[in-house]
Protein backbone atom coordinates (compact mmCIF):
# COMPACT_ATOMS: atom_id res chain seq x y z
CA MET A 1 -0.08 0.07 0.00
CA ARG A 2 2.88 2.35 0.75
CA ARG A 3 4.55 1.77 -2.55
CA PHE A 4 1.45 2.61 -4.48
CA GLU A 5 0.27 5.22 -2.07
CA VAL A 6 -3.03 3.51 -1.51
CA GLU A 7 -5.15 4.32 1.66
CA SER A 8 -6.84 1.66 3.77
CA VAL A 9 -10.22 3.23 3.09
CA GLU A 10 -9.59 2.58 -0.66
CA VAL A 11 -8.86 -1.06 -0.09
CA LEU A 12 -11.96 -1.43 2.00
CA ALA A 13 -14.00 0.22 -0.68
CA ALA A 14 -12.61 -2.24 -3.29
CA ILE A 15 -13.57 -5.17 -1.18
CA GLN A 16 -16.96 -3.90 -0.01
CA ASP A 17 -18.06 -2.34 -3.34
CA PRO A 18 -15.84 -3.61 -6.14
CA ASP A 19 -16.35 -2.74 -9.84
CA HIS A 20 -15.37 -6.37 -10.71
CA VAL A 21 -14.34 -9.54 -8.83
CA THR A 22 -12.24 -12.19 -10.48
CA GLU A 23 -11.01 -15.57 -9.13
CA SER A 24 -7.30 -15.83 -8.21
CA ILE A 25 -5.19 -18.78 -7.17
CA LYS A 26 -5.63 -20.82 -3.92
CA GLY A 27 -9.23 -19.67 -3.54
CA ARG A 28 -8.38 -16.08 -3.42
CA LYS A 29 -10.36 -13.26 -5.05
CA ASN A 30 -9.28 -10.09 -6.88
CA ALA A 31 -11.44 -7.04 -6.13
CA TRP A 32 -10.97 -4.42 -8.88
CA LYS A 33 -11.92 -0.74 -8.34
CA LYS A 34 -11.58 1.98 -10.94
CA ARG A 35 -9.42 4.94 -9.93
CA ALA A 36 -8.36 8.04 -11.92
CA GLY A 37 -6.88 6.45 -15.00
CA ASP A 38 -5.96 3.10 -13.41
CA TRP A 39 -7.22 0.13 -11.49
CA LEU A 40 -6.83 -0.81 -8.00
CA ARG A 41 -6.55 -4.58 -7.49
CA VAL A 42 -6.93 -6.06 -4.02
CA THR A 43 -6.18 -9.80 -3.65
CA TYR A 44 -7.93 -11.25 -0.56
CA PHE A 45 -9.56 -14.31 0.90
CA GLN A 46 -12.07 -14.98 3.66
CA GLU A 47 -11.01 -17.08 6.64
CA ASP A 48 -13.39 -19.75 8.00
CA ASN A 49 -14.12 -17.23 11.08
CA GLY A 50 -15.34 -14.58 8.61
CA LYS A 51 -12.29 -12.39 8.71
CA THR A 52 -10.91 -10.91 5.49
CA VAL A 53 -7.25 -11.25 4.88
CA VAL A 54 -5.63 -8.88 2.28
CA VAL A 55 -2.77 -10.60 0.48
CA THR A 56 -1.66 -7.83 -1.92
CA VAL A 57 -2.63 -4.46 -3.20
CA SER A 58 -1.53 -3.26 -6.61
CA ILE A 59 -2.28 -0.71 -9.26
CA LYS A 60 -2.87 -1.89 -12.76
CA ARG A 61 -3.15 0.23 -16.02
CA LYS A 62 -5.75 -2.31 -17.40
CA PHE A 63 -8.46 -4.49 -15.96
CA PHE A 64 -7.79 -8.15 -16.58
CA LYS A 65 -10.69 -10.53 -16.91
CA GLU A 66 -10.49 -14.24 -15.95
CA GLY A 67 -8.72 -15.90 -18.81
CA ASP A 68 -6.91 -12.82 -19.95
CA TYR A 69 -3.89 -13.55 -17.76
CA GLU A 70 -2.26 -15.71 -20.50
CA ASN A 71 -2.53 -12.81 -22.87
CA ARG A 72 -0.82 -10.09 -20.77
CA VAL A 73 2.12 -8.17 -21.98
């Protein structure tokens, strides 16, 4: 979050009200939220006790749909 200067409220907004959600590896999900000119991607999973664990936060220029990962540059 520090690297990309992302605030915790932006991460929460992406998880609670994402523009898109895609599946990730190991049962994780990617929550995508549009920002000014780019996309915020939050990779997270839900624990059995209901807690949400954020794995990574990154900024992407493009939104990648499921199946598009093989076609990335």
